[in-house]
Every structure is written in structure tokens, then in C-alpha cells.
C-alpha atoms as a PDB file:
ATOM      1  CA  MET A   1      -8.358   4.384  15.821  1.00  0.00           C
ATOM      2  CA  GLU A   2     -12.357   4.510  15.841  1.00  0.00           C
ATOM      3  CA  LEU A   3     -13.569   1.497  16.888  1.00  0.00           C
ATOM      4  CA  LYS A   4     -12.053  -2.069  17.854  1.00  0.00           C
ATOM      5  CA  LEU A   5     -13.925  -4.995  17.019  1.00  0.00           C
ATOM      6  CA  GLN A   6     -13.784  -8.780  18.167  1.00  0.00           C
ATOM      7  CA  PRO A   7     -16.661 -10.691  16.405  1.00  0.00           C
ATOM      8  CA  GLN A   8     -14.950 -14.320  16.419  1.00  0.00           C
ATOM      9  CA  PRO A   9     -12.256 -16.004  18.994  1.00  0.00           C
ATOM     10  CA  VAL A  10     -10.137 -17.420  16.563  1.00  0.00           C
ATOM     11  CA  SER A  11      -7.971 -15.719  13.470  1.00  0.00           C
ATOM     12  CA  VAL A  12      -9.276 -13.374  10.707  1.00  0.00           C
ATOM     13  CA  CYS A  13      -8.735 -15.084   7.809  1.00  0.00           C
ATOM     14  CA  ALA A  14     -10.943 -12.679   5.049  1.00  0.00           C
ATOM     15  CA  LEU A  15     -12.121  -8.898   5.824  1.00  0.00           C
ATOM     16  CA  GLN A  16     -14.466  -6.816   3.361  1.00  0.00           C
ATOM     17  CA  TYR A  17     -16.971  -4.102   3.670  1.00  0.00           C
ATOM     18  CA  SER A  18     -20.264  -4.774   2.149  1.00  0.00           C
ATOM     19  CA  HIS A  19     -20.433  -3.245  -1.062  1.00  0.00           C
ATOM     20  CA  TYR A  20     -22.284  -0.217  -0.169  1.00  0.00           C
ATOM     21  CA  GLY A  21     -20.247  -0.065   3.242  1.00  0.00           C
ATOM     22  CA  HIS A  22     -23.322  -0.352   5.743  1.00  0.00           C
ATOM     23  CA  VAL A  23     -21.730  -4.266   7.249  1.00  0.00           C
ATOM     24  CA  LEU A  24     -18.347  -5.612   7.699  1.00  0.00           C
ATOM     25  CA  LEU A  25     -17.817  -9.182   6.617  1.00  0.00           C
ATOM     26  CA  SER A  26     -15.336 -11.284   8.464  1.00  0.00           C
ATOM     27  CA  GLY A  27     -14.775 -14.855   8.144  1.00  0.00           C
ATOM     28  CA  GLY A  28     -12.685 -16.983  10.612  1.00  0.00           C
ATOM     29  CA  ARG A  29     -10.353 -20.079  10.729  1.00  0.00           C
ATOM     30  CA  ASP A  30     -13.339 -22.069  12.134  1.00  0.00           C
ATOM     31  CA  GLY A  31     -15.642 -21.028   9.090  1.00  0.00           C
ATOM     32  CA  LEU A  32     -17.876 -18.612  10.487  1.00  0.00           C
ATOM     33  CA  ILE A  33     -18.937 -15.547   9.047  1.00  0.00           C
ATOM     34  CA  THR A  34     -19.380 -12.760  11.326  1.00  0.00           C
ATOM     35  CA  VAL A  35     -21.238  -9.800   9.732  1.00  0.00           C
ATOM     36  CA  SER A  36     -21.167  -7.057  12.015  1.00  0.00           C
ATOM     37  CA  SER A  37     -21.355  -2.962  12.132  1.00  0.00           C
ATOM     38  CA  PRO A  38     -18.969  -1.087  11.401  1.00  0.00           C
ATOM     39  CA  VAL A  39     -20.977   2.402  13.844  1.00  0.00           C
ATOM     40  CA  THR A  40     -21.543   0.645  16.710  1.00  0.00           C
ATOM     41  CA  GLY A  41     -19.136  -2.691  16.372  1.00  0.00           C
ATOM     42  CA  VAL A  42     -22.162  -5.123  17.380  1.00  0.00           C
ATOM     43  CA  THR A  43     -22.365  -8.700  15.512  1.00  0.00           C
ATOM     44  CA  VAL A  44     -25.585  -8.409  13.281  1.00  0.00           C
ATOM     45  CA  ARG A  45     -25.613 -11.612  12.305  1.00  0.00           C
ATOM     46  CA  THR A  46     -23.701 -14.994  12.128  1.00  0.00           C
ATOM     47  CA  ILE A  47     -23.301 -17.397   9.038  1.00  0.00           C
ATOM     48  CA  ARG A  48     -22.623 -20.684   9.964  1.00  0.00           C
ATOM     49  CA  ASP A  49     -22.580 -22.534   6.530  1.00  0.00           C
ATOM     50  CA  HIS A  50     -18.811 -23.363   5.809  1.00  0.00           C
ATOM     51  CA  LYS A  51     -17.874 -24.081   9.436  1.00  0.00           C
ATOM     52  CA  GLY A  52     -15.482 -26.316   9.683  1.00  0.00           C
ATOM     53  CA  ALA A  53     -13.586 -25.062   7.248  1.00  0.00           C
ATOM     54  CA  PRO A  54     -11.597 -21.640   7.048  1.00  0.00           C
ATOM     55  CA  ILE A  55     -12.489 -18.729   4.768  1.00  0.00           C
ATOM     56  CA  THR A  56     -10.759 -17.974   2.230  1.00  0.00           C
ATOM     57  CA  THR A  57     -12.339 -15.207   0.224  1.00  0.00           C
ATOM     58  CA  VAL A  58     -15.110 -12.734   0.755  1.00  0.00           C
ATOM     59  CA  GLN A  59     -16.120 -10.200  -2.049  1.00  0.00           C
ATOM     60  CA  CYS A  60     -19.098  -8.231  -2.693  1.00  0.00           C
ATOM     61  CA  THR A  61     -20.249  -6.856  -5.628  1.00  0.00           C
ATOM     62  CA  SER A  62     -23.605  -4.658  -6.679  1.00  0.00           C
ATOM     63  CA  LYS A  63     -27.103  -6.034  -7.506  1.00  0.00           C
ATOM     64  CA  GLN A  64     -29.711  -4.981 -10.093  1.00  0.00           C
ATOM     65  CA  TYR A  65     -32.931  -4.895  -8.265  1.00  0.00           C
ATOM     66  CA  LYS A  66     -34.477  -8.704  -8.030  1.00  0.00           C
ATOM     67  CA  GLU A  67     -32.054  -9.952 -10.256  1.00  0.00           C
ATOM     68  CA  PHE A  68     -32.059 -13.731  -9.873  1.00  0.00           C
ATOM     69  CA  GLY A  69     -35.282 -13.878  -8.300  1.00  0.00           C
ATOM     70  CA  LEU A  70     -34.124 -12.886  -4.911  1.00  0.00           C
ATOM     71  CA  ASP A  71     -34.665  -9.352  -2.918  1.00  0.00           C
ATOM     72  CA  GLY A  72     -31.661  -7.462  -2.692  1.00  0.00           C
ATOM     73  CA  ASN A  73     -29.266  -4.779  -3.694  1.00  0.00           C
ATOM     74  CA  GLU A  74     -26.310  -6.519  -3.610  1.00  0.00           C
ATOM     75  CA  LEU A  75     -24.393  -9.882  -4.100  1.00  0.00           C
ATOM     76  CA  TRP A  76     -21.323 -11.366  -1.850  1.00  0.00           C
ATOM     77  CA  LEU A  77     -19.635 -14.950  -2.320  1.00  0.00           C
ATOM     78  CA  ALA A  78     -17.621 -16.821   0.314  1.00  0.00           C
ATOM     79  CA  VAL A  79     -15.214 -19.670   0.072  1.00  0.00           C
ATOM     80  CA  SER A  80     -13.355 -21.986   2.000  1.00  0.00           C
ATOM     81  CA  ALA A  81     -10.534 -24.269   2.219  1.00  0.00           C
ATOM     82  CA  ASP A  82     -12.529 -27.029   1.217  1.00  0.00           C
ATOM     83  CA  ARG A  83     -13.140 -25.644  -2.384  1.00  0.00           C
ATOM     84  CA  ARG A  84     -17.221 -24.724  -1.562  1.00  0.00           C
ATOM     85  CA  VAL A  85     -18.221 -21.478  -2.903  1.00  0.00           C
ATOM     86  CA  SER A  86     -21.044 -19.957  -1.219  1.00  0.00           C
ATOM     87  CA  ILE A  87     -23.257 -16.860  -3.055  1.00  0.00           C
ATOM     88  CA  TRP A  88     -25.406 -14.620  -1.269  1.00  0.00           C
ATOM     89  CA  ALA A  89     -28.212 -11.733  -2.077  1.00  0.00           C
ATOM     90  CA  ALA A  90     -28.369  -9.344   0.489  1.00  0.00           C
ATOM     91  CA  ASP A  91     -30.362  -5.941   1.402  1.00  0.00           C
ATOM     92  CA  TRP A  92     -28.268  -5.034   4.982  1.00  0.00           C
ATOM     93  CA  MET A  93     -30.685  -1.941   5.326  1.00  0.00           C
ATOM     94  CA  LYS A  94     -33.621  -4.620   4.879  1.00  0.00           C
ATOM     95  CA  ASP A  95     -31.505  -6.943   7.482  1.00  0.00           C
ATOM     96  CA  LYS A  96     -32.002  -9.625   4.728  1.00  0.00           C
ATOM     97  CA  CYS A  97     -29.465 -12.084   3.359  1.00  0.00           C
ATOM     98  CA  GLU A  98     -30.404 -15.086   1.512  1.00  0.00           C
ATOM     99  CA  LEU A  99     -28.289 -17.847  -0.342  1.00  0.00           C
ATOM    100  CA  LEU A 100     -28.324 -17.913  -4.040  1.00  0.00           C
ATOM    101  CA  ASP A 101     -26.086 -20.490  -4.963  1.00  0.00           C
ATOM    102  CA  TRP A 102     -23.875 -23.299  -3.342  1.00  0.00           C
ATOM    103  CA  LEU A 103     -20.908 -24.640  -5.855  1.00  0.00           C
ATOM    104  CA  THR A 104     -18.332 -27.425  -5.059  1.00  0.00           C
ATOM    105  CA  PHE A 105     -15.924 -27.909  -7.475  1.00  0.00           C
ATOM    106  CA  PRO A 106     -14.717 -31.658  -7.803  1.00  0.00           C
ATOM    107  CA  ALA A 107     -11.040 -32.453  -7.334  1.00  0.00           C
ATOM    108  CA  PRO A 108      -8.658 -35.459  -6.541  1.00  0.00           C
ATOM    109  CA  THR A 109      -8.325 -37.225  -3.219  1.00  0.00           C
ATOM    110  CA  SER A 110      -6.389 -34.319  -1.158  1.00  0.00           C
ATOM    111  CA  PRO A 111      -2.688 -34.840   0.123  1.00  0.00           C
ATOM    112  CA  LYS A 112      -2.083 -35.623   3.768  1.00  0.00           C
ATOM    113  CA  ASP A 113      -0.336 -32.268   4.562  1.00  0.00           C
ATOM    114  CA  ALA A 114      -3.248 -29.488   4.166  1.00  0.00           C
ATOM    115  CA  LEU A 115      -0.844 -27.155   4.082  1.00  0.00           C
ATOM    116  CA  ALA A 116       0.331 -28.235   0.624  1.00  0.00           C
ATOM    117  CA  LEU A 117      -3.290 -27.509  -1.348  1.00  0.00           C
ATOM    118  CA  PRO A 118      -3.461 -24.286  -3.060  1.00  0.00           C
ATOM    119  CA  PRO A 119      -5.699 -21.531  -1.673  1.00  0.00           C
ATOM    120  CA  SER A 120      -9.482 -21.717  -3.162  1.00  0.00           C
ATOM    121  CA  LEU A 121      -9.780 -18.453  -4.715  1.00  0.00           C
ATOM    122  CA  ALA A 122     -13.344 -16.823  -6.208  1.00  0.00           C
ATOM    123  CA  ALA A 123     -14.365 -13.145  -7.408  1.00  0.00           C
ATOM    124  CA  PHE A 124     -17.188 -11.923  -9.149  1.00  0.00           C
ATOM    125  CA  SER A 125     -16.486 -10.988 -12.807  1.00  0.00           C
ATOM    126  CA  PRO A 126     -16.246  -6.934 -13.338  1.00  0.00           C
ATOM    127  CA  SER A 127     -17.533  -7.703 -16.648  1.00  0.00           C
ATOM    128  CA  GLU A 128     -19.430 -10.508 -17.251  1.00  0.00           C
ATOM    129  CA  ARG A 129     -22.633  -9.869 -15.066  1.00  0.00           C
ATOM    130  CA  GLY A 130     -23.571 -13.049 -13.002  1.00  0.00           C
ATOM    131  CA  THR A 131     -20.420 -14.697 -13.963  1.00  0.00           C
ATOM    132  CA  VAL A 132     -17.742 -16.060 -10.881  1.00  0.00           C
ATOM    133  CA  VAL A 133     -14.062 -16.559 -11.709  1.00  0.00           C
ATOM    134  CA  TYR A 134     -12.502 -19.796  -9.508  1.00  0.00           C
ATOM    135  CA  THR A 135      -9.397 -21.426  -8.817  1.00  0.00           C
ATOM    136  CA  GLY A 136      -8.375 -24.142  -6.440  1.00  0.00           C
ATOM    137  CA  TYR A 137      -7.363 -28.006  -6.093  1.00  0.00           C
ATOM    138  CA  ALA A 138      -8.994 -29.558  -8.604  1.00  0.00           C
ATOM    139  CA  VAL A 139      -8.762 -31.903 -11.366  1.00  0.00           C
ATOM    140  CA  GLU A 140      -6.960 -29.722 -13.419  1.00  0.00           C
ATOM    141  CA  LYS A 141      -4.815 -26.563 -12.739  1.00  0.00           C
ATOM    142  CA  GLU A 142      -7.299 -23.681 -14.163  1.00  0.00           C
ATOM    143  CA  ILE A 143      -9.391 -20.836 -14.406  1.00  0.00           C
ATOM    144  CA  ILE A 144     -12.868 -21.690 -14.414  1.00  0.00           C
ATOM    145  CA  PHE A 145     -15.410 -19.060 -15.325  1.00  0.00           C
ATOM    146  CA  TYR A 146     -19.336 -20.233 -13.752  1.00  0.00           C
ATOM    147  CA  CYS A 147     -22.275 -18.464 -14.344  1.00  0.00           C
ATOM    148  CA  LEU A 148     -25.066 -18.226 -12.257  1.00  0.00           C
ATOM    149  CA  TYR A 149     -27.761 -17.856 -14.233  1.00  0.00           C
ATOM    150  CA  LYS A 150     -27.456 -20.572 -16.280  1.00  0.00           C
ATOM    151  CA  LYS A 151     -25.682 -22.716 -13.218  1.00  0.00           C
ATOM    152  CA  GLN A 152     -23.291 -23.948 -15.543  1.00  0.00           C
ATOM    153  CA  VAL A 153     -19.118 -23.643 -16.447  1.00  0.00           C
ATOM    154  CA  LEU A 154     -18.481 -21.037 -19.871  1.00  0.00           C
ATOM    155  CA  ARG A 155     -15.592 -21.636 -20.019  1.00  0.00           C
ATOM    156  CA  THR A 156     -11.892 -22.809 -18.461  1.00  0.00           C
ATOM    157  CA  ILE A 157      -8.297 -21.342 -18.774  1.00  0.00           C
ATOM    158  CA  SER A 158      -5.189 -23.950 -18.102  1.00  0.00           C
ATOM    159  CA  LEU A 159      -2.676 -22.699 -15.797  1.00  0.00           C
ATOM    160  CA  ALA A 160       1.130 -24.120 -15.659  1.00  0.00           C
ATOM    161  CA  ASP A 161       0.587 -24.492 -12.000  1.00  0.00           C
ATOM    162  CA  TRP A 162      -1.828 -23.821  -8.784  1.00  0.00           C
ATOM    163  CA  ALA A 163      -2.632 -20.480  -8.008  1.00  0.00           C
ATOM    164  CA  LEU A 164      -1.834 -18.680  -5.027  1.00  0.00           C
ATOM    165  CA  CYS A 165      -3.541 -15.253  -5.270  1.00  0.00           C
ATOM    166  CA  LEU A 166      -6.376 -13.986  -7.899  1.00  0.00           C
ATOM    167  CA  GLY A 167      -6.589 -10.678  -8.756  1.00  0.00           C
ATOM    168  CA  LEU A 168      -9.284  -9.487 -11.404  1.00  0.00           C
ATOM    169  CA  CYS A 169      -8.454  -5.776 -13.207  1.00  0.00           C
ATOM    170  CA  SER A 170     -11.907  -3.436 -12.846  1.00  0.00           C
ATOM    171  CA  THR A 171     -12.450  -3.644 -16.660  1.00  0.00           C
ATOM    172  CA  GLY A 172     -12.469  -7.137 -16.628  1.00  0.00           C
ATOM    173  CA  ARG A 173      -9.857  -7.727 -19.551  1.00  0.00           C
ATOM    174  CA  LEU A 174      -7.230  -9.212 -17.299  1.00  0.00           C
ATOM    175  CA  ILE A 175      -6.397 -11.585 -14.490  1.00  0.00           C
ATOM    176  CA  ALA A 176      -3.501 -12.181 -12.321  1.00  0.00           C
ATOM    177  CA  VAL A 177      -2.408 -14.788 -10.826  1.00  0.00           C
ATOM    178  CA  GLY A 178       0.863 -15.750  -8.694  1.00  0.00           C
ATOM    179  CA  SER A 179       2.553 -18.747  -8.027  1.00  0.00           C
ATOM    180  CA  ASN A 180       4.910 -20.773  -6.188  1.00  0.00           C
ATOM    181  CA  GLN A 181       7.134 -20.682  -8.936  1.00  0.00           C
ATOM    182  CA  ARG A 182       7.802 -17.269  -8.191  1.00  0.00           C
ATOM    183  CA  VAL A 183       5.757 -16.318 -11.052  1.00  0.00           C
ATOM    184  CA  LEU A 184       3.335 -13.662 -11.949  1.00  0.00           C
ATOM    185  CA  LYS A 185       1.145 -14.462 -14.995  1.00  0.00           C
ATOM    186  CA  LEU A 186      -1.034 -11.899 -16.371  1.00  0.00           C
ATOM    187  CA  ILE A 187      -4.485 -13.422 -18.758  1.00  0.00           C
ATOM    188  CA  HIS A 188      -6.493 -11.917 -20.903  1.00  0.00           C
ATOM    189  CA  SER A 189      -9.883 -12.807 -19.438  1.00  0.00           C
ATOM    190  CA  SER A 190     -11.531 -13.825 -22.771  1.00  0.00           C
ATOM    191  CA  SER A 191      -8.744 -14.969 -24.793  1.00  0.00           C
ATOM    192  CA  GLY A 192      -6.613 -17.193 -22.542  1.00  0.00           C
ATOM    193  CA  ARG A 193      -3.366 -15.704 -23.683  1.00  0.00           C
ATOM    194  CA  PHE A 194      -0.843 -14.257 -21.025  1.00  0.00           C
ATOM    195  CA  GLN A 195       2.343 -13.348 -20.281  1.00  0.00           C
ATOM    196  CA  ASP A 196       4.736 -14.262 -17.297  1.00  0.00           C
ATOM    197  CA  PHE A 197       6.963 -12.039 -15.184  1.00  0.00           C
ATOM    198  CA  THR A 198       9.544 -13.799 -13.377  1.00  0.00           C
ATOM    199  CA  CYS A 199      11.369 -10.853 -11.734  1.00  0.00           C
ATOM    200  CA  HIS A 200      10.152 -11.720  -7.993  1.00  0.00           C
ATOM    201  CA  SER A 201      12.270 -13.380  -5.296  1.00  0.00           C
ATOM    202  CA  ASP A 202       9.886 -15.781  -3.826  1.00  0.00           C
ATOM    203  CA  SER A 203       6.161 -17.165  -4.306  1.00  0.00           C
ATOM    204  CA  VAL A 204       4.029 -15.054  -5.602  1.00  0.00           C
ATOM    205  CA  HIS A 205       1.272 -14.946  -2.982  1.00  0.00           C
ATOM    206  CA  MET A 206      -1.164 -11.674  -3.031  1.00  0.00           C
ATOM    207  CA  CYS A 207      -1.894  -9.701  -6.061  1.00  0.00           C
ATOM    208  CA  SER A 208      -4.445  -6.481  -6.302  1.00  0.00           C
ATOM    209  CA  PHE A 209      -5.483  -4.415  -8.991  1.00  0.00           C
ATOM    210  CA  SER A 210      -5.420  -0.605  -8.429  1.00  0.00           C
ATOM    211  CA  TRP A 211      -9.065   0.633  -8.854  1.00  0.00           C
ATOM    212  CA  SER A 212      -8.191   2.317 -12.192  1.00  0.00           C
ATOM    213  CA  GLY A 213      -7.229  -1.006 -13.270  1.00  0.00           C
ATOM    214  CA  SER A 214      -3.786   0.778 -14.395  1.00  0.00           C
ATOM    215  CA  GLN A 215      -1.663  -0.314 -11.503  1.00  0.00           C
ATOM    216  CA  LEU A 216      -1.036  -3.654 -10.217  1.00  0.00           C
ATOM    217  CA  PHE A 217       0.829  -4.749  -6.454  1.00  0.00           C
ATOM    218  CA  THR A 218       2.046  -7.779  -6.026  1.00  0.00           C
ATOM    219  CA  ALA A 219       3.798  -9.393  -3.124  1.00  0.00           C
ATOM    220  CA  ALA A 220       6.663 -12.199  -3.005  1.00  0.00           C
ATOM    221  CA  HIS A 221       7.673 -13.033   0.809  1.00  0.00           C
ATOM    222  CA  ASN A 222       8.324  -9.061   2.348  1.00  0.00           C
ATOM    223  CA  GLU A 223       8.511  -7.813  -1.457  1.00  0.00           C
ATOM    224  CA  LEU A 224       6.139  -5.590  -2.899  1.00  0.00           C
ATOM    225  CA  PHE A 225       5.917  -4.735  -5.951  1.00  0.00           C
ATOM    226  CA  LEU A 226       4.321  -1.912  -8.510  1.00  0.00           C
ATOM    227  CA  TRP A 227       3.716  -2.546 -11.804  1.00  0.00           C
ATOM    228  CA  THR A 228       2.118   0.008 -14.777  1.00  0.00           C
ATOM    229  CA  VAL A 229      -0.441  -2.179 -16.676  1.00  0.00           C
ATOM    230  CA  HIS A 230      -1.053  -1.198 -20.211  1.00  0.00           C
ATOM    231  CA  GLY A 231      -3.289  -2.356 -22.609  1.00  0.00           C
ATOM    232  CA  LEU A 232      -6.337  -2.039 -20.496  1.00  0.00           C
END
């Protein structure tokens, strides 16, 4: 072990290195996001915009110089359980971090049992620059493609069940979605065509593509599945 950090007084729900590895972003159950140095362990910034709702996702990607009119060399997003998504432009070497956009997706009244709600999930599209892929509790069961340039929804893909996990292939062509119906759904991101896989014995709550996109890991309860992905 190289370092032990304790940036938050509550459970950490999401963890992500910045795109270039300069800082470590951790999201807590209280909605606070802490930016820490992976070298010294020192907390360099605390972001309170999501305070009150557990952070469900943190993700980072590269950004072209002055893209979106803000300085910085990377973008990162955070998602909280109340369906809010914040998009940030950052240059951690210069201690810069600016809010680029704030997304809130409409939804019907939440049931009293908050644990029954599906998680709010989002990721930057690897192939469509400036596009955020989102799914969560909403009016419809669907995946939403939102363009940060146009500030509008580009398209949606309907789902049969609420998504418990979301994985995007590095090529941008495929999306993996797991559900509590024990189904792994592999979706073509452009056409919406899909294929279902039903060999899991419990809810599919985690999915992750390998860096090349040629393999996919899924998890159902205590079982891990390794898939080979063809046709990339």
C-alpha cells in the first residue's frame, strides 16, 4: 500500500482518476465530491453542488483546448441519485475547475421506497464528441443521448427494464445494460438494435468493457462473467 486517504466522513460511492491522472475524484453518500492528490493524499478541492444526494457516477474524458469556450484540457461529470448531472471543464495542473452544464432529467413522482429506484448513470460517448449518455428513473425506460454543443437530446433508445448498470465500448458502437430481470442487453448505439443474454442467475448490477472493447465483464450477485465481444 502506497497511501491511505480519508477525504470524506461518509461512505465513498464513486471513485475515478482524472483523465491525465493528476487528481483523484471521490463522490460520497452525502453528495460531496472531493478532489485529492494521489501523491500526497491532500484534499485540494471540495465540490458541494450535489450535496444531499449520493453520488452514483464520476467519469472523466479528454477535452480539446478551449472547447466549449472554457479553458482546460479535460471534462468530467458527476451524477447523483436525484437524477442531476453536472459537467465540468478542468485543468488540474493549474487548479482550474469550472461548471460547464447542469442537466436534470424529468421524472414522475418518486415512490416512497427510494431503494426501489434505479440508479442514475451517465458517461461521455467515446465516439460522439460532446455527447453524454444517460439513463435513470424517468418518464420512460430509455437511454438518452444529450449533446452539450446543441444543449438538446439527440435521440433515445427504449429499454424494456430499468438499467442497473451502463457500460460503453471504447469504439462507441456498443452499449451494455444490465437489469434486475437477470438480462444483459447489448445495444448498437446508433441503430438501437440489441441482443439479450439471459445466463445470469441474479440481477446484472455491474458491467464493464475492457480498454480495447473486445471483452466485457458483468457481475450478478457473487458471479463474474467474462464475454468476448465480436463485430467491433
